[in-house]
Protein backbone atom coordinates (compact mmCIF):
# COMPACT_ATOMS: atom_id res chain seq x y z
CA MET A 1 52.39 -8.77 60.00
CA LYS A 2 48.85 -9.99 60.25
CA ILE A 3 47.73 -11.72 57.13
CA VAL A 4 43.80 -11.53 56.49
CA THR A 5 41.61 -13.36 53.94
CA ASP A 6 38.10 -14.51 53.34
CA THR A 7 37.00 -18.07 52.83
CA GLY A 8 36.92 -17.61 49.12
CA CYS A 9 40.33 -18.84 49.38
CA LEU A 10 39.38 -22.42 50.35
CA ILE A 11 41.82 -22.60 53.07
CA PRO A 12 40.48 -24.89 55.81
CA VAL A 13 40.10 -23.31 59.42
CA GLU A 14 42.71 -25.42 61.12
CA GLU A 15 45.25 -24.73 58.17
CA ALA A 16 44.45 -20.93 58.92
CA LYS A 17 45.32 -21.16 62.27
CA LYS A 18 48.43 -23.22 61.82
CA HIS A 19 49.72 -20.56 59.30
CA GLN A 20 48.61 -17.72 61.52
CA ILE A 21 46.16 -16.56 59.09
CA THR A 22 42.89 -14.54 60.08
CA LEU A 23 40.29 -15.98 58.13
CA ILE A 24 36.82 -14.07 57.70
CA PRO A 25 33.75 -16.26 56.41
CA LEU A 26 31.79 -15.22 53.57
CA GLN A 27 28.06 -15.53 54.35
CA ILE A 28 25.33 -17.70 53.20
CA ALA A 29 21.49 -17.59 53.31
CA VAL A 30 19.36 -20.39 52.92
CA GLY A 31 15.74 -19.62 53.10
CA GLU A 32 15.46 -17.63 56.49
CA LYS A 33 18.60 -19.20 57.93
CA ASN A 34 21.97 -17.53 57.74
CA PHE A 35 25.54 -19.41 57.92
CA ARG A 36 29.00 -18.42 58.07
CA ASP A 37 30.89 -20.07 55.36
CA TYR A 38 33.25 -22.96 56.39
CA LEU A 39 32.65 -22.11 60.34
CA GLU A 40 28.90 -23.11 60.68
CA ILE A 41 28.20 -25.38 57.59
CA GLY A 42 30.36 -27.72 55.61
CA SER A 43 29.93 -28.33 51.94
CA GLU A 44 28.03 -31.77 52.51
CA ASP A 45 25.52 -30.40 54.71
CA PHE A 46 24.95 -27.24 52.59
CA VAL A 47 24.47 -29.23 49.46
CA GLU A 48 22.07 -31.45 51.36
CA LEU A 49 20.25 -28.27 52.68
CA ILE A 50 19.84 -26.67 49.21
CA LYS A 51 18.16 -29.54 47.38
CA ASN A 52 14.75 -27.92 47.69
CA LYS A 53 15.73 -24.13 48.59
CA ALA A 54 17.36 -21.18 47.14
CA ALA A 55 20.96 -20.41 48.33
CA TYR A 56 22.71 -16.90 48.19
CA SER A 57 26.14 -15.95 49.29
CA SER A 58 27.53 -12.35 50.47
CA GLN A 59 30.38 -10.57 51.74
CA PRO A 60 31.65 -11.04 55.16
CA ALA A 61 30.05 -9.31 57.91
CA VAL A 62 31.32 -5.82 58.39
CA GLY A 63 31.73 -6.54 62.16
CA GLU A 64 33.73 -9.61 61.72
CA VAL A 65 35.99 -7.45 59.07
CA MET A 66 36.38 -4.61 61.70
CA GLU A 67 37.21 -6.96 64.49
CA ALA A 68 39.97 -8.58 61.97
CA PHE A 69 41.27 -4.92 61.64
CA GLU A 70 41.23 -3.97 65.39
CA SER A 71 44.91 -4.73 65.87
CA LEU A 72 47.30 -2.06 65.41
CA GLU A 73 49.68 -4.55 63.82
CA GLU A 74 50.55 -4.00 60.17
CA THR A 75 47.93 -5.87 58.19
CA LEU A 76 47.37 -7.36 54.66
CA HIS A 77 44.03 -8.27 53.65
CA ILE A 78 43.84 -10.52 50.60
CA ALA A 79 40.48 -10.36 49.24
CA MET A 80 38.42 -12.40 46.96
CA ALA A 81 38.09 -10.92 43.17
CA LYS A 82 36.35 -7.44 43.18
CA GLY A 83 33.25 -7.91 40.88
CA LEU A 84 32.93 -11.78 41.72
CA SER A 85 32.38 -10.60 45.66
CA ALA A 86 31.86 -7.48 47.50
CA ALA A 87 34.33 -8.59 49.82
CA TYR A 88 37.06 -6.23 48.33
CA ASP A 89 34.88 -3.14 48.42
CA ALA A 90 33.55 -4.02 52.14
CA ALA A 91 37.07 -4.30 53.34
CA SER A 92 38.05 -1.06 51.68
CA SER A 93 35.10 0.59 53.01
CA VAL A 94 35.82 -0.26 56.64
CA VAL A 95 39.59 0.76 56.25
CA LYS A 96 38.43 4.11 54.96
CA SER A 97 35.94 4.47 58.02
CA MET A 98 38.75 3.74 60.52
CA GLU A 99 40.93 6.29 58.87
CA THR A 100 43.82 4.14 59.52
CA HIS A 101 47.24 3.78 57.50
CA HIS A 102 48.57 0.39 58.66
CA ILE A 103 46.07 -1.70 56.65
CA THR A 104 46.50 -2.68 52.98
CA VAL A 105 43.46 -4.15 51.16
CA PHE A 106 44.56 -6.23 48.08
CA ASN A 107 42.05 -7.11 45.48
CA SER A 108 43.32 -10.69 44.37
CA THR A 109 41.39 -10.26 40.96
CA THR A 110 40.77 -14.10 41.67
CA LEU A 111 39.41 -16.85 44.15
CA ALA A 112 39.42 -20.36 45.30
CA GLY A 113 42.77 -22.01 44.33
CA PRO A 114 44.96 -19.12 43.08
CA GLN A 115 43.75 -17.03 46.06
CA GLN A 116 44.76 -19.58 48.38
CA TYR A 117 48.00 -19.66 46.26
CA LEU A 118 48.52 -15.82 46.96
CA VAL A 119 47.64 -16.09 50.67
CA TYR A 120 50.00 -18.59 51.44
CA LEU A 121 52.81 -16.94 49.27
CA ALA A 122 52.23 -13.87 51.54
CA THR A 123 52.58 -15.86 54.49
CA LYS A 124 55.63 -17.19 53.72
CA LEU A 125 57.16 -13.87 52.67
CA ARG A 126 55.97 -12.39 56.02
CA ASP A 127 57.80 -15.07 57.99
CA GLY A 128 60.80 -14.24 55.82
CA GLN A 129 60.29 -10.67 57.05
CA LYS A 130 59.16 -9.18 53.72
CA SER A 131 57.57 -5.63 53.65
CA VAL A 132 53.95 -5.28 52.52
CA LYS A 133 55.02 -3.66 49.35
CA GLU A 134 57.33 -6.43 48.39
CA ILE A 135 54.63 -9.09 49.26
CA VAL A 136 52.00 -7.15 46.78
CA ASP A 137 54.59 -6.82 44.29
CA ARG A 138 55.24 -10.37 44.30
CA MET A 139 51.65 -11.32 44.15
CA SER A 140 50.96 -9.20 41.62
CA GLY A 141 53.72 -10.69 39.55
CA CYS A 142 52.16 -14.10 40.04
CA LEU A 143 48.80 -12.62 38.63
CA ARG A 144 50.16 -11.78 35.18
CA GLU A 145 49.47 -15.30 34.28
CA CYS A 146 46.30 -16.24 35.86
CA ASP A 147 42.87 -17.54 34.81
CA SER A 148 40.07 -19.50 36.01
CA PHE A 149 37.34 -21.81 34.07
CA LEU A 150 34.07 -22.61 35.74
CA MET A 151 31.73 -25.51 34.26
CA PRO A 152 28.54 -24.84 36.12
CA VAL A 153 25.61 -27.25 36.57
CA ASP A 154 22.95 -24.76 37.55
CA PHE A 155 23.01 -21.26 36.06
CA ASP A 156 20.29 -20.15 38.60
CA PHE A 157 22.89 -19.72 41.34
CA LEU A 158 25.12 -17.49 38.89
CA LYS A 159 22.22 -15.37 37.66
CA ARG A 160 20.80 -14.60 41.05
CA GLY A 161 24.37 -13.42 41.94
CA GLY A 162 24.87 -11.22 39.08
CA ARG A 163 28.17 -12.31 38.45
CA LEU A 164 27.29 -13.05 34.55
CA THR A 165 28.03 -10.90 31.32
CA PRO A 166 24.61 -10.89 29.20
CA MET A 167 26.18 -13.21 26.95
CA ALA A 168 27.00 -15.74 29.66
CA ALA A 169 23.56 -15.54 30.99
CA ALA A 170 21.97 -16.13 27.75
CA MET A 171 23.89 -19.62 28.24
CA SER A 172 21.57 -21.03 30.53
CA GLY A 173 19.65 -22.66 27.94
CA PHE A 174 22.65 -24.82 27.19
CA LEU A 175 22.55 -26.83 30.28
CA LYS A 176 21.79 -29.94 28.72
CA MET A 177 25.29 -29.47 27.18
CA LYS A 178 28.23 -28.60 29.12
CA PRO A 179 28.90 -25.06 28.85
CA VAL A 180 32.39 -23.41 30.06
CA LEU A 181 32.75 -19.78 31.75
CA THR A 182 35.88 -17.83 32.25
CA GLN A 183 36.77 -14.45 33.78
CA SER A 184 36.20 -11.48 31.77
CA GLN A 185 39.23 -9.30 30.80
CA ASN A 186 38.81 -7.10 33.83
CA ARG A 187 38.36 -10.18 35.94
CA GLU A 188 35.20 -8.72 37.55
CA ARG A 189 32.57 -10.82 35.79
CA LEU A 190 31.98 -14.41 34.34
CA GLU A 191 31.84 -14.71 30.41
CA LYS A 192 31.34 -17.51 27.86
CA PHE A 193 34.20 -19.56 26.99
CA THR A 194 32.84 -22.45 25.07
CA VAL A 195 30.05 -25.08 25.08
CA ALA A 196 30.68 -28.94 24.83
CA ARG A 197 28.65 -32.13 24.76
CA THR A 198 30.35 -33.84 27.62
CA TRP A 199 32.51 -33.43 30.73
CA SER A 200 35.44 -34.75 28.64
CA GLY A 201 34.73 -31.89 25.89
CA SER A 202 34.41 -29.18 28.31
CA ILE A 203 37.73 -30.23 30.19
CA GLY A 204 39.42 -30.83 27.01
CA SER A 205 38.83 -27.43 25.53
CA VAL A 206 40.11 -25.53 28.83
CA ILE A 207 43.20 -27.55 28.98
CA ASP A 208 44.00 -27.26 25.23
CA GLU A 209 43.54 -23.50 25.92
CA MET A 210 45.98 -23.64 28.55
CA VAL A 211 48.63 -25.47 26.50
CA LYS A 212 48.18 -22.68 23.96
CA ARG A 213 48.74 -20.10 26.62
CA GLY A 214 52.00 -21.77 27.62
CA VAL A 215 50.73 -23.10 31.15
CA SER A 216 53.34 -25.36 32.38
CA ALA A 217 55.36 -26.64 35.35
CA LYS A 218 55.97 -22.92 36.08
CA HIS A 219 52.13 -22.34 37.13
CA LYS A 220 50.19 -23.92 39.90
CA ILE A 221 47.14 -25.64 38.63
CA TYR A 222 43.95 -26.18 40.80
CA ILE A 223 40.89 -28.35 40.10
CA SER A 224 38.10 -27.47 42.44
CA HIS A 225 34.81 -29.26 42.55
CA ALA A 226 31.60 -29.16 44.29
CA LEU A 227 31.29 -32.76 45.56
CA ASN A 228 32.16 -34.11 42.21
CA MET A 229 35.25 -35.91 42.64
CA ASP A 230 34.80 -38.16 39.44
CA ALA A 231 34.84 -34.95 37.29
CA ALA A 232 37.97 -33.41 39.28
CA LYS A 233 39.81 -36.92 38.73
CA GLN A 234 38.88 -36.86 35.10
CA ALA A 235 40.37 -33.17 34.76
CA PHE A 236 43.39 -34.17 36.94
CA ASP A 237 44.11 -36.95 34.27
CA ALA A 238 43.55 -34.89 31.33
CA VAL A 239 45.90 -32.23 32.74
CA VAL A 240 48.82 -34.74 33.38
CA ALA A 241 48.40 -36.23 29.95
CA LYS A 242 48.80 -32.57 28.19
CA ILE A 243 51.31 -30.73 30.46
CA GLN A 244 54.57 -32.45 31.43
CA ASP A 245 55.43 -32.19 35.11
CA ALA A 246 52.21 -30.26 35.92
CA ASP A 247 51.91 -28.97 39.44
CA ILE A 248 48.20 -29.84 40.37
CA GLU A 249 46.11 -29.66 43.54
CA ILE A 250 42.49 -30.86 44.03
CA LEU A 251 40.55 -28.64 46.29
CA LYS A 252 36.84 -28.89 47.63
CA LEU A 253 34.68 -25.81 47.00
CA THR A 254 33.15 -24.20 50.23
CA PRO A 255 29.36 -23.62 50.34
CA ALA A 256 29.66 -20.07 49.23
CA MET A 257 31.77 -21.06 46.27
CA ILE A 258 29.05 -23.69 45.54
CA THR A 259 26.44 -21.00 45.27
CA GLN A 260 28.33 -19.73 42.18
CA GLY A 261 28.03 -22.90 39.94
CA GLY A 262 25.60 -25.22 41.98
CA PRO A 263 26.33 -28.49 43.46
CA GLY A 264 28.53 -30.71 41.02
CA CYS A 265 30.20 -27.83 39.42
CA LEU A 266 33.94 -27.78 38.44
CA ALA A 267 36.59 -25.27 38.38
CA ILE A 268 39.93 -25.44 36.45
CA GLN A 269 42.39 -22.81 37.29
CA TYR A 270 45.97 -21.63 37.12
CA ILE A 271 48.33 -19.03 38.35
CA LEU A 272 52.22 -18.35 37.87
CA LYS A 273 54.30 -19.57 40.72
CA ASP A 274 56.64 -17.06 42.30
CA GLU A 275 60.08 -17.60 41.44
CA ALA A 276 61.79 -14.59 42.88
């Protein structure tokens, strides 16, 4: 079975090769230049490049999606959340145009850390000779308890991408404070969660909410940052202080992900671990 995903999962290219994962890059436009996320530009170079230029991210190139689907091998494509990206709709359209039945496109309804968790889970189950249906069922079980919280530092990126609810877009005036966004109920937009005065206040509000929801060692917690390791470490320490035996991983956001919250942004996410 072939496992395909996009770079929204934050899996490095070499790791993807190691686990036999086909990685399709999201696209980034900076001025008149276009880049393939992760493959043609790294996060550090990207942040330097956009200091005085606007940046936009978009779905993977249709040609690259078609190339990934050319094999007659049974294929499972795990796409970044519908609504937060057009990657799922684009892949679904390609499958429809090919009139094929051996490709399953799965809307992960998430991105970054939890999407990465699902891809690695699918890879492990594939290697264990599990069927596509069982893999999809197991991933869906994990998504029963999954959420994301984003602390942006530049709302212009988010507003350009159209990923905000009207209420969240109105928060752009709070940037002297520390706003926190979360996924909407249908997981297709970002909406207001809270506003705090400091990083510690924002992080504390998110972790208190996670504790209230029963997030525990049964969940995988991801802290992803746009070249802001200080805030990531602050979040890591705060999670450890509140959640016993927390399973936490710190990840660096790709250029395409940085276009959502701007350089310096921070994301805290969790997903229920597969225990089947």
